[in-house]
Protein backbone atom coordinates (compact mmCIF):
# COMPACT_ATOMS: atom_id res chain seq x y z
CA MET A 1 38.88 28.22 -22.88
CA THR A 2 35.87 26.34 -24.28
CA GLY A 3 32.99 24.29 -23.09
CA ARG A 4 31.87 21.35 -25.27
CA TRP A 5 29.08 20.92 -27.76
CA PRO A 6 27.11 17.65 -27.97
CA GLY A 7 28.35 15.12 -30.50
CA ASP A 8 25.71 15.82 -33.22
CA ALA A 9 27.17 19.38 -33.47
CA SER A 10 30.53 18.01 -34.50
CA ARG A 11 29.65 18.13 -38.17
CA HIS A 12 29.73 21.89 -37.93
CA ALA A 13 32.75 22.10 -35.86
CA LEU A 14 35.64 24.54 -36.35
CA LEU A 15 38.54 22.49 -35.20
CA THR A 16 41.39 24.27 -33.40
CA VAL A 17 44.92 23.32 -34.38
CA ALA A 18 45.19 21.00 -31.37
CA GLU A 19 41.85 19.45 -32.02
CA MET A 20 42.86 18.72 -35.68
CA GLN A 21 46.09 17.15 -34.60
CA GLU A 22 44.15 14.97 -32.28
CA ALA A 23 41.77 13.87 -35.09
CA ASP A 24 44.78 12.97 -37.25
CA ARG A 25 46.22 11.00 -34.37
CA ARG A 26 43.03 9.14 -33.80
CA ALA A 27 42.60 8.42 -37.52
CA VAL A 28 46.04 6.94 -37.75
CA ALA A 29 45.32 4.83 -34.60
CA SER A 30 42.16 3.57 -36.21
CA GLY A 31 44.17 2.12 -39.04
CA ILE A 32 44.49 4.87 -41.67
CA SER A 33 48.16 5.35 -42.36
CA GLU A 34 49.60 8.95 -42.30
CA ASP A 35 50.70 8.37 -46.01
CA VAL A 36 47.21 7.54 -47.00
CA LEU A 37 45.88 10.72 -45.25
CA MET A 38 48.57 12.76 -47.10
CA GLU A 39 47.84 11.14 -50.53
CA ARG A 40 44.19 12.00 -50.26
CA ALA A 41 44.92 15.62 -49.09
CA GLY A 42 47.34 16.13 -51.95
CA ALA A 43 44.92 14.69 -54.46
CA ALA A 44 42.23 17.14 -53.33
CA VAL A 45 44.75 20.04 -53.82
CA ALA A 46 45.66 18.90 -57.21
CA LYS A 47 41.95 18.69 -58.18
CA ALA A 48 41.35 22.19 -57.07
CA ALA A 49 44.43 23.42 -58.96
CA MET A 50 43.32 21.74 -62.21
CA LYS A 51 39.92 23.28 -61.89
CA ARG A 52 41.34 26.78 -61.43
CA LEU A 53 44.04 26.41 -64.14
CA PRO A 54 43.03 24.34 -67.17
CA SER A 55 46.57 24.88 -68.62
CA GLY A 56 49.75 26.76 -67.54
CA ARG A 57 52.81 26.48 -65.27
CA ILE A 58 52.30 25.62 -61.59
CA VAL A 59 54.71 26.29 -58.70
CA VAL A 60 54.24 24.35 -55.53
CA LEU A 61 55.68 26.02 -52.42
CA SER A 62 56.41 23.11 -49.96
CA GLY A 63 57.43 23.41 -46.40
CA PRO A 64 59.13 20.87 -44.04
CA GLY A 65 55.88 19.87 -42.21
CA GLY A 66 52.77 17.87 -43.14
CA ASN A 67 51.62 20.64 -45.49
CA GLY A 68 54.79 20.28 -47.59
CA GLY A 69 54.01 16.60 -47.91
CA ASP A 70 50.49 17.52 -49.21
CA GLY A 71 52.26 19.72 -51.74
CA TYR A 72 54.56 17.13 -53.00
CA VAL A 73 51.68 14.81 -53.60
CA ALA A 74 49.82 17.56 -55.44
CA ALA A 75 52.85 18.29 -57.52
CA ARG A 76 53.27 14.63 -58.48
CA ILE A 77 49.57 14.18 -59.48
CA LEU A 78 49.66 17.51 -61.47
CA ALA A 79 52.75 16.46 -63.40
CA ASP A 80 51.28 13.12 -64.19
CA ARG A 81 48.35 14.85 -65.65
CA GLY A 82 50.45 16.91 -67.90
CA TRP A 83 50.86 20.17 -66.09
CA PRO A 84 54.37 21.72 -66.00
CA VAL A 85 55.23 21.85 -62.39
CA ARG A 86 58.05 23.01 -60.17
CA VAL A 87 58.43 22.43 -56.47
CA CYS A 88 60.22 25.14 -54.43
CA ALA A 89 61.13 23.66 -51.15
CA LEU A 90 61.73 25.39 -47.79
CA ARG A 91 64.14 23.65 -45.36
CA PRO A 92 63.94 20.24 -47.08
CA ASP A 93 66.54 19.06 -44.70
CA ALA A 94 63.99 19.34 -41.94
CA MET A 95 61.50 17.00 -43.43
CA THR A 96 60.63 13.81 -41.64
CA GLY A 97 58.16 10.87 -41.72
CA ALA A 98 55.44 10.94 -44.44
CA THR A 99 56.54 14.37 -45.76
CA ARG A 100 60.01 12.95 -46.53
CA ARG A 101 58.60 9.85 -48.08
CA MET A 102 56.27 11.98 -50.40
CA ALA A 103 59.15 14.15 -51.28
CA GLU A 104 61.18 11.13 -52.31
CA LEU A 105 58.54 10.16 -54.77
CA TRP A 106 58.75 13.47 -56.52
CA THR A 107 61.13 13.30 -59.57
CA GLY A 108 60.36 16.66 -61.17
CA GLU A 109 62.01 19.98 -61.11
CA THR A 110 62.90 21.34 -57.63
CA ALA A 111 64.33 24.65 -56.51
CA ALA A 112 64.72 26.55 -53.26
CA VAL A 113 62.18 29.06 -52.06
CA THR A 114 63.41 32.56 -53.13
CA ALA A 115 61.79 35.86 -53.96
CA ALA A 116 61.97 34.95 -57.65
CA CYS A 117 60.75 31.37 -57.56
CA VAL A 118 57.20 32.28 -58.42
CA SER A 119 58.03 34.74 -61.08
CA ASP A 120 57.08 32.63 -64.11
CA ALA A 121 54.14 30.84 -62.47
CA ASP A 122 50.56 30.92 -63.74
CA LEU A 123 49.28 29.47 -60.44
CA VAL A 124 50.84 28.89 -57.04
CA VAL A 125 50.09 26.11 -54.69
CA ASP A 126 50.95 27.33 -51.15
CA ALA A 127 51.91 24.26 -49.08
CA LEU A 128 54.31 25.99 -46.82
CA PHE A 129 52.89 26.23 -43.23
CA GLY A 130 49.20 25.52 -42.93
CA ALA A 131 47.01 26.32 -39.89
CA GLY A 132 49.57 25.48 -37.21
CA LEU A 133 51.81 28.53 -37.66
CA SER A 134 52.31 30.18 -34.28
CA ARG A 135 55.19 32.65 -34.98
CA ASP A 136 55.69 35.62 -37.28
CA LEU A 137 56.99 34.83 -40.82
CA ASP A 138 60.49 35.67 -41.94
CA PRO A 139 60.31 39.11 -43.63
CA SER A 140 61.75 37.76 -46.83
CA LEU A 141 58.79 35.29 -47.08
CA ALA A 142 56.18 38.00 -46.27
CA ALA A 143 57.72 40.07 -49.08
CA MET A 144 57.53 37.13 -51.51
CA PHE A 145 53.79 36.62 -50.68
CA ALA A 146 53.18 40.33 -51.22
CA GLY A 147 54.69 40.05 -54.72
CA ILE A 148 52.59 37.23 -55.94
CA ARG A 149 50.27 38.41 -58.79
CA VAL A 150 48.79 35.07 -59.90
CA PRO A 151 46.03 32.97 -58.39
CA VAL A 152 47.01 30.99 -55.17
CA ILE A 153 45.58 27.70 -54.04
CA ALA A 154 46.42 27.40 -50.20
CA VAL A 155 46.79 24.12 -48.54
CA ASP A 156 44.92 23.91 -45.32
CA MET A 157 45.36 27.69 -44.58
CA PRO A 158 47.09 30.50 -46.33
CA SER A 159 50.63 30.65 -44.95
CA GLY A 160 50.97 33.40 -42.40
CA ILE A 161 47.48 32.94 -40.97
CA ASP A 162 47.13 31.59 -37.45
CA GLY A 163 44.62 28.78 -37.67
CA ASP A 164 43.24 29.39 -34.21
CA THR A 165 42.78 33.17 -34.30
CA GLY A 166 42.72 34.27 -37.99
CA TRP A 167 45.62 36.59 -37.06
CA ILE A 168 48.27 37.61 -39.67
CA ARG A 169 51.66 36.50 -38.56
CA GLY A 170 53.92 39.20 -40.01
CA GLY A 171 52.48 38.73 -43.61
CA ALA A 172 50.39 36.22 -45.38
CA VAL A 173 49.38 34.71 -48.71
CA SER A 174 46.15 36.04 -50.28
CA ALA A 175 44.58 32.95 -51.70
CA GLN A 176 41.89 32.59 -54.44
CA ALA A 177 40.92 29.29 -52.86
CA THR A 178 41.87 27.12 -49.79
CA VAL A 179 41.55 23.55 -49.57
CA THR A 180 41.22 22.22 -45.94
CA PHE A 181 40.60 18.80 -44.53
CA CYS A 182 37.92 17.21 -42.32
CA ARG A 183 36.69 20.47 -40.94
CA ARG A 184 37.31 24.22 -41.25
CA LYS A 185 39.52 25.97 -38.55
CA PRO A 186 38.56 29.04 -36.71
CA GLY A 187 41.11 31.01 -38.81
CA HIS A 188 39.02 30.26 -41.90
CA VAL A 189 36.05 32.27 -40.51
CA LEU A 190 37.68 34.78 -38.19
CA MET A 191 39.05 38.11 -39.67
CA PRO A 192 41.42 38.78 -41.20
CA GLY A 193 42.04 35.12 -42.07
CA ARG A 194 38.62 34.77 -43.56
CA ARG A 195 39.32 37.62 -46.12
CA LEU A 196 42.61 35.93 -47.18
CA CYS A 197 41.28 32.39 -47.61
CA GLY A 198 39.16 33.00 -50.64
CA ASP A 199 36.79 30.06 -51.42
CA VAL A 200 37.22 27.35 -48.77
CA ALA A 201 36.59 23.83 -49.81
CA ILE A 202 36.60 21.01 -47.17
CA ALA A 203 38.03 17.74 -48.53
CA ASP A 204 37.13 14.42 -47.08
CA ILE A 205 40.28 12.44 -46.44
CA GLY A 206 38.81 9.66 -44.37
CA ILE A 207 38.66 11.16 -40.88
CA GLY A 208 35.06 10.04 -39.94
CA ASP A 209 32.39 12.03 -38.02
CA SER A 210 32.75 9.70 -35.07
CA ILE A 211 36.46 10.57 -34.61
CA VAL A 212 35.46 14.36 -34.57
CA ALA A 213 32.62 13.83 -32.38
CA ALA A 214 34.79 11.93 -29.89
CA ILE A 215 37.04 15.04 -29.58
CA SER A 216 34.00 17.09 -28.35
CA PRO A 217 34.94 20.25 -30.21
CA GLY A 218 34.32 23.61 -28.37
CA VAL A 219 33.73 25.88 -31.40
CA VAL A 220 31.10 25.53 -34.21
CA CYS A 221 30.12 27.48 -37.21
CA ASN A 222 26.57 28.89 -36.73
CA THR A 223 24.21 27.17 -38.99
CA PRO A 224 20.49 26.40 -38.99
CA ALA A 225 21.33 22.67 -38.75
CA LEU A 226 22.36 23.33 -35.09
CA TRP A 227 18.94 24.94 -34.00
CA ARG A 228 16.40 24.75 -36.73
CA ASP A 229 14.28 22.03 -34.93
CA ARG A 230 14.04 24.33 -31.89
CA TRP A 231 12.76 27.45 -33.75
CA PRO A 232 9.65 28.76 -31.84
CA TRP A 233 7.04 28.44 -34.49
CA PRO A 234 3.48 29.13 -33.38
CA SER A 235 1.26 26.10 -32.59
CA LEU A 236 -1.98 25.74 -34.57
CA ASP A 237 -4.04 27.20 -31.60
CA ALA A 238 -1.56 30.04 -30.89
CA HIS A 239 -2.77 33.50 -30.06
CA LYS A 240 -0.69 36.80 -29.78
CA HIS A 241 -0.25 36.56 -25.98
CA ALA A 242 1.07 32.95 -26.24
CA ARG A 243 3.69 34.14 -28.72
CA GLY A 244 5.27 36.48 -26.15
CA HIS A 245 5.35 40.18 -25.26
CA LEU A 246 8.55 42.04 -25.82
CA VAL A 247 9.26 45.43 -24.28
CA VAL A 248 11.83 47.64 -26.12
CA LEU A 249 13.27 50.68 -24.14
CA GLY A 250 13.04 53.78 -26.25
CA GLY A 251 15.34 56.76 -25.75
CA SER A 252 15.07 60.54 -26.21
CA LEU A 253 13.18 62.28 -28.96
CA GLU A 254 16.53 62.76 -30.89
CA SER A 255 17.46 59.05 -30.79
CA SER A 256 14.02 57.30 -31.05
CA GLY A 257 14.79 55.60 -34.39
CA ALA A 258 17.03 52.96 -32.89
CA SER A 259 14.38 51.55 -30.58
CA ARG A 260 11.78 51.71 -33.35
CA LEU A 261 14.10 49.57 -35.54
CA ALA A 262 14.53 46.96 -32.69
CA ALA A 263 10.74 46.95 -32.08
CA ALA A 264 9.91 46.29 -35.71
CA ALA A 265 12.50 43.44 -35.82
CA GLY A 266 11.13 41.81 -32.71
CA LEU A 267 7.71 41.67 -34.30
CA ARG A 268 9.06 40.07 -37.44
CA ALA A 269 10.97 37.58 -35.31
CA GLY A 270 7.68 36.24 -34.12
CA ALA A 271 6.90 38.07 -30.79
CA GLY A 272 3.08 38.22 -30.56
CA LEU A 273 3.16 41.71 -28.96
CA VAL A 274 5.87 44.41 -28.86
CA THR A 275 5.72 47.60 -26.76
CA CYS A 276 8.07 50.57 -26.88
CA ALA A 277 8.46 52.09 -23.55
CA MET A 278 9.89 55.71 -23.54
CA PRO A 279 10.05 58.91 -21.66
CA ARG A 280 6.84 60.89 -22.09
CA ALA A 281 8.57 63.57 -24.15
CA ALA A 282 9.48 60.93 -26.75
CA LEU A 283 5.95 59.42 -27.05
CA LEU A 284 4.74 61.51 -30.07
CA ALA A 285 7.81 60.50 -32.12
CA HIS A 286 7.07 56.80 -31.51
CA ALA A 287 3.27 57.10 -31.89
CA VAL A 288 3.36 58.64 -35.35
CA HIS A 289 5.69 55.92 -36.69
CA HIS A 290 4.31 52.77 -35.01
CA THR A 291 1.35 50.77 -36.29
CA ALA A 292 1.52 47.24 -34.92
CA VAL A 293 3.87 48.26 -32.07
CA MET A 294 2.30 49.67 -28.93
CA ASN A 295 3.72 52.59 -26.91
CA HIS A 296 4.00 53.07 -23.18
CA ALA A 297 5.21 56.35 -21.71
CA PHE A 298 6.81 55.89 -18.29
CA ALA A 299 7.58 58.60 -15.64
CA GLY A 300 10.87 57.05 -14.31
CA SER A 301 12.68 53.96 -13.38
CA GLY A 302 10.15 52.94 -10.85
CA ASP A 303 7.33 53.07 -13.49
CA PHE A 304 9.54 51.13 -15.93
CA ALA A 305 10.32 48.53 -13.22
CA GLU A 306 6.64 47.95 -12.84
CA LEU A 307 6.12 47.44 -16.46
CA MET A 308 8.93 45.00 -16.71
CA ALA A 309 7.71 43.02 -13.68
CA ALA A 310 4.31 42.69 -15.17
CA GLY A 311 3.19 39.13 -15.75
CA HIS A 312 2.16 39.82 -19.40
CA VAL A 313 5.77 40.96 -20.28
CA HIS A 314 8.22 38.10 -21.31
CA ALA A 315 11.38 39.87 -22.41
CA GLY A 316 13.01 43.19 -23.05
CA VAL A 317 15.58 44.95 -25.23
CA LEU A 318 17.44 47.82 -23.67
CA GLY A 319 20.20 50.08 -25.12
CA PRO A 320 19.51 51.23 -28.63
CA GLY A 321 19.29 55.03 -28.44
CA ALA A 322 18.94 54.92 -24.68
CA GLY A 323 21.67 57.31 -23.74
CA THR A 324 24.76 56.63 -21.65
CA GLY A 325 24.00 58.44 -18.44
CA SER A 326 22.95 57.41 -14.96
CA GLY A 327 19.27 57.35 -16.08
CA THR A 328 19.96 54.50 -18.38
CA ARG A 329 21.86 52.67 -15.62
CA ASP A 330 18.71 52.99 -13.40
CA LEU A 331 16.59 51.62 -16.11
CA VAL A 332 18.82 48.68 -16.69
CA VAL A 333 18.95 47.87 -13.04
CA ALA A 334 15.18 48.04 -12.90
CA ALA A 335 14.79 45.65 -15.84
CA LEU A 336 17.33 43.23 -14.43
CA ALA A 337 15.52 43.09 -11.12
CA ALA A 338 12.49 41.74 -12.81
CA GLY A 339 14.45 38.65 -13.87
CA LYS A 340 13.05 38.49 -17.36
CA PRO A 341 15.24 37.58 -20.45
CA LEU A 342 16.91 40.64 -21.70
CA VAL A 343 19.04 41.87 -24.53
CA LEU A 344 21.49 44.54 -23.42
CA ASP A 345 22.95 46.39 -26.34
CA ALA A 346 24.76 49.64 -27.07
CA ASP A 347 24.05 52.31 -24.54
CA ALA A 348 22.82 49.83 -21.91
CA LEU A 349 26.49 48.47 -21.86
CA THR A 350 28.35 51.74 -22.33
CA ALA A 351 26.47 53.40 -19.39
CA PHE A 352 28.36 51.00 -17.12
CA ARG A 353 31.82 51.62 -18.33
CA GLU A 354 32.81 53.32 -15.10
CA CYS A 355 31.09 50.83 -12.88
CA ARG A 356 31.13 47.51 -14.76
CA GLN A 357 31.03 45.35 -11.68
CA ASP A 358 27.63 46.96 -10.72
CA LEU A 359 26.31 45.49 -14.06
CA PHE A 360 27.98 42.11 -13.60
CA ASP A 361 26.59 41.75 -10.05
CA ARG A 362 23.05 42.12 -11.31
CA ILE A 363 23.18 40.28 -14.68
CA HIS A 364 21.46 36.87 -14.80
CA GLU A 365 21.99 33.87 -17.09
CA ARG A 366 18.79 34.84 -19.11
CA CYS A 367 20.51 37.83 -20.54
CA VAL A 368 22.26 38.24 -23.91
CA LEU A 369 24.84 41.10 -24.27
CA THR A 370 25.32 42.26 -27.92
CA PRO A 371 28.37 44.76 -27.96
CA HIS A 372 30.43 45.77 -30.94
CA THR A 373 34.13 45.80 -30.44
CA GLY A 374 34.25 49.38 -28.87
CA GLU A 375 31.57 48.56 -26.42
CA PHE A 376 33.18 45.18 -25.62
CA ARG A 377 36.42 46.87 -24.81
CA ARG A 378 34.84 49.24 -22.38
CA LEU A 379 33.59 46.28 -20.21
CA PHE A 380 35.91 43.31 -20.81
CA HIS A 381 39.46 42.28 -21.25
CA TRP A 382 40.56 42.52 -25.01
CA THR A 383 43.46 40.83 -26.53
CA GLY A 384 42.18 40.61 -30.08
CA ASP A 385 41.80 36.74 -29.81
CA ARG A 386 38.04 36.80 -30.35
CA LEU A 387 37.39 33.27 -29.22
CA ARG A 388 39.32 33.59 -25.93
CA ASP A 389 38.10 37.06 -25.25
CA VAL A 390 34.42 36.34 -25.81
CA ALA A 391 34.53 33.10 -23.87
CA GLY A 392 36.07 35.01 -20.99
CA ALA A 393 33.53 37.73 -21.18
CA ALA A 394 30.61 35.27 -21.03
CA ALA A 395 32.23 33.65 -18.04
CA GLU A 396 32.72 36.85 -16.25
CA ALA A 397 29.30 38.23 -17.02
CA GLY A 398 27.57 34.77 -16.40
CA CYS A 399 25.44 35.02 -19.59
CA VAL A 400 25.58 34.86 -23.39
CA VAL A 401 27.86 37.38 -25.00
CA LEU A 402 27.65 38.13 -28.72
CA LEU A 403 30.49 40.19 -30.15
CA LYS A 404 29.30 41.77 -33.30
CA GLY A 405 31.44 42.21 -36.47
CA PRO A 406 32.09 40.51 -39.85
CA ASP A 407 33.01 37.46 -37.77
CA THR A 408 30.35 37.70 -35.15
CA THR A 409 31.39 35.45 -32.19
CA ILE A 410 28.94 34.04 -29.58
CA ALA A 411 29.70 32.38 -26.32
CA ASP A 412 27.67 31.16 -23.37
CA ARG A 413 28.81 31.14 -19.69
CA HIS A 414 29.86 27.52 -20.04
CA GLY A 415 32.39 28.47 -22.79
CA ARG A 416 30.58 26.99 -25.77
CA LEU A 417 31.50 29.08 -28.80
CA ALA A 418 29.96 29.79 -32.19
CA VAL A 419 31.18 31.96 -35.09
CA ASN A 420 28.76 33.33 -37.67
CA ALA A 421 30.09 33.06 -41.25
CA ASN A 422 27.16 34.24 -43.49
CA GLY A 423 27.56 38.05 -42.82
CA SER A 424 27.45 40.62 -45.50
CA PRO A 425 29.63 43.81 -45.60
CA PHE A 426 26.50 45.80 -46.35
CA LEU A 427 25.33 45.16 -42.77
CA ALA A 428 27.88 47.75 -41.75
CA THR A 429 25.39 50.45 -41.60
CA ALA A 430 23.62 52.60 -38.86
CA GLY A 431 20.83 50.78 -37.18
CA SER A 432 21.87 47.37 -38.29
CA GLY A 433 22.84 46.26 -34.71
CA ASP A 434 19.52 47.64 -33.38
CA VAL A 435 17.73 45.24 -35.69
CA LEU A 436 19.73 42.37 -34.48
CA ALA A 437 18.99 43.26 -30.83
CA GLY A 438 15.27 43.31 -31.72
CA ILE A 439 15.43 39.94 -33.45
CA ILE A 440 17.08 38.28 -30.46
CA GLY A 441 14.56 39.94 -28.11
CA GLY A 442 11.68 38.64 -30.18
CA LEU A 443 12.97 35.16 -29.87
CA LEU A 444 13.55 35.48 -26.19
CA ALA A 445 10.02 36.75 -25.75
CA GLN A 446 8.83 33.40 -27.25
CA GLY A 447 10.77 31.34 -24.73
CA THR A 448 13.79 30.55 -26.80
CA PRO A 449 16.88 29.89 -24.59
CA PRO A 450 19.54 32.71 -24.66
CA LEU A 451 22.28 30.88 -26.63
CA ASP A 452 19.76 29.61 -29.20
CA ALA A 453 18.23 33.01 -29.45
CA ALA A 454 21.54 34.61 -30.07
CA MET A 455 22.60 32.03 -32.69
CA MET A 456 19.26 32.08 -34.43
CA GLY A 457 19.00 35.83 -34.47
CA CYS A 458 22.55 36.38 -35.61
CA TRP A 459 22.14 33.93 -38.57
CA LEU A 460 18.77 35.40 -39.56
CA HIS A 461 20.01 38.99 -39.45
CA ALA A 462 23.02 38.06 -41.57
CA GLU A 463 20.99 36.01 -44.02
CA ALA A 464 18.55 38.81 -44.52
CA GLY A 465 21.43 41.27 -45.08
CA GLY A 466 23.17 39.11 -47.52
CA ARG A 467 20.01 39.10 -49.61
CA CYS A 468 19.90 42.83 -49.88
CA THR A 469 21.60 44.72 -52.68
CA PRO A 470 24.20 47.49 -52.36
CA GLY A 471 22.41 50.43 -50.89
CA LEU A 472 20.99 48.36 -47.86
CA VAL A 473 19.81 50.48 -44.96
CA ALA A 474 18.69 49.10 -41.63
CA GLU A 475 14.93 49.62 -42.40
CA ASP A 476 15.19 47.16 -45.36
CA LEU A 477 16.18 44.22 -42.99
CA ALA A 478 12.85 43.48 -41.27
CA ASP A 479 11.07 42.96 -44.65
CA ARG A 480 14.07 40.85 -46.01
CA MET A 481 13.69 38.52 -43.03
CA VAL A 482 10.28 37.29 -44.38
CA PRO A 483 11.57 34.91 -47.16
CA VAL A 484 14.31 33.70 -44.98
CA LEU A 485 11.76 32.76 -42.28
CA ALA A 486 9.64 31.13 -44.84
CA GLU A 487 12.43 28.97 -46.00
CA LEU A 488 13.28 28.02 -42.37
CA HIS A 489 9.66 27.07 -41.81
CA ASP A 490 9.43 25.02 -44.98
């Protein structure tokens, strides 16, 4: 499913369940015993519980696997520190290895997992299943989880969440906080798992960075540490033409606002010149709004092709407000023929819903596609497994694909995957995606490689949105980018 990131990206890896199991195996092979790893994990959970509950009764739900062993360790430490603790065990007869050894060290109150076992708790530690759950929960457990009304500390992953996909498996615990180990898992940042994890803390239990790097993880959490040193800041002797010329395709008079938002964002992202190209009937609408953005009225796809092929044009953004008919398809084909880096968004994708192969036959590796879920499903296979689906789409299209959402997911044609985790719910507003397309286009115009441009643009867009107050509209975003850019530069 995935390509591999270089070793220095491993600090920001999102380890799949299989990769985490391999990290555990390598740690044990290096000389750290399974018991020591479990003791350290349980101690981190106990610390989180004590922080959340200065006093009160704690119920630890322990399963038969490694998570249950972490739960027994946490229970023992909490009891030693004076908290009243009860362990409610699920299938204790199935415990083996370190989990059984930790259970044998527990001498406190023990009961079976039942619907009533958490009724007198002030805090619940969920150590039932962790990230490796790959089947639906028993309905009785799902009902018990739904009835919990006190804070929950989840061990590794709230029970019921698939660690690789973030899917809910028949029901799930809603945690106030989650303590995971070594690295986060995809399920911590993919919806709906992200929503149910609460605050996620990563505990160091002794699995070193070199062990993770040796696994060569395929998924990372998008962060400036991955690309900050490649941001296209202007040199001391820069001039506007050296900073790149971005062309944004404008649509009809009625939908001209979308391309104006993209154009303004491209300027803010650092493009030295931005031109909006639109049908002549829409020229006045653009001209009365634009100040720093230039305007170019074209007569048809041939005229637009000449503009995109011009040596002074470095990149394009097509789709926002363009319309979904054959005219848009012709303009996209014309732009692709020029071979310049392109962002294809919104209508530029939907226009090919009945002839998707025509688009894929022309797309080149310098493109970035930025669909939302509906647009994605019109062109690509959709299972709901975002990592697998986006990786497959990028391989099929042969370019970078960015699937927008609260858990925006990015893949290149080699299968390298990144998930954005700094998004804000206030970005769910008209025009927000147009701004994102413009930011990425502005970065492409400056010579930024497509995967970097997608990751940089997505993080910047989300960070700017996160700094806006309720009431955010898309027009606010370009201005809010300024302090974020200043911090990146400094």
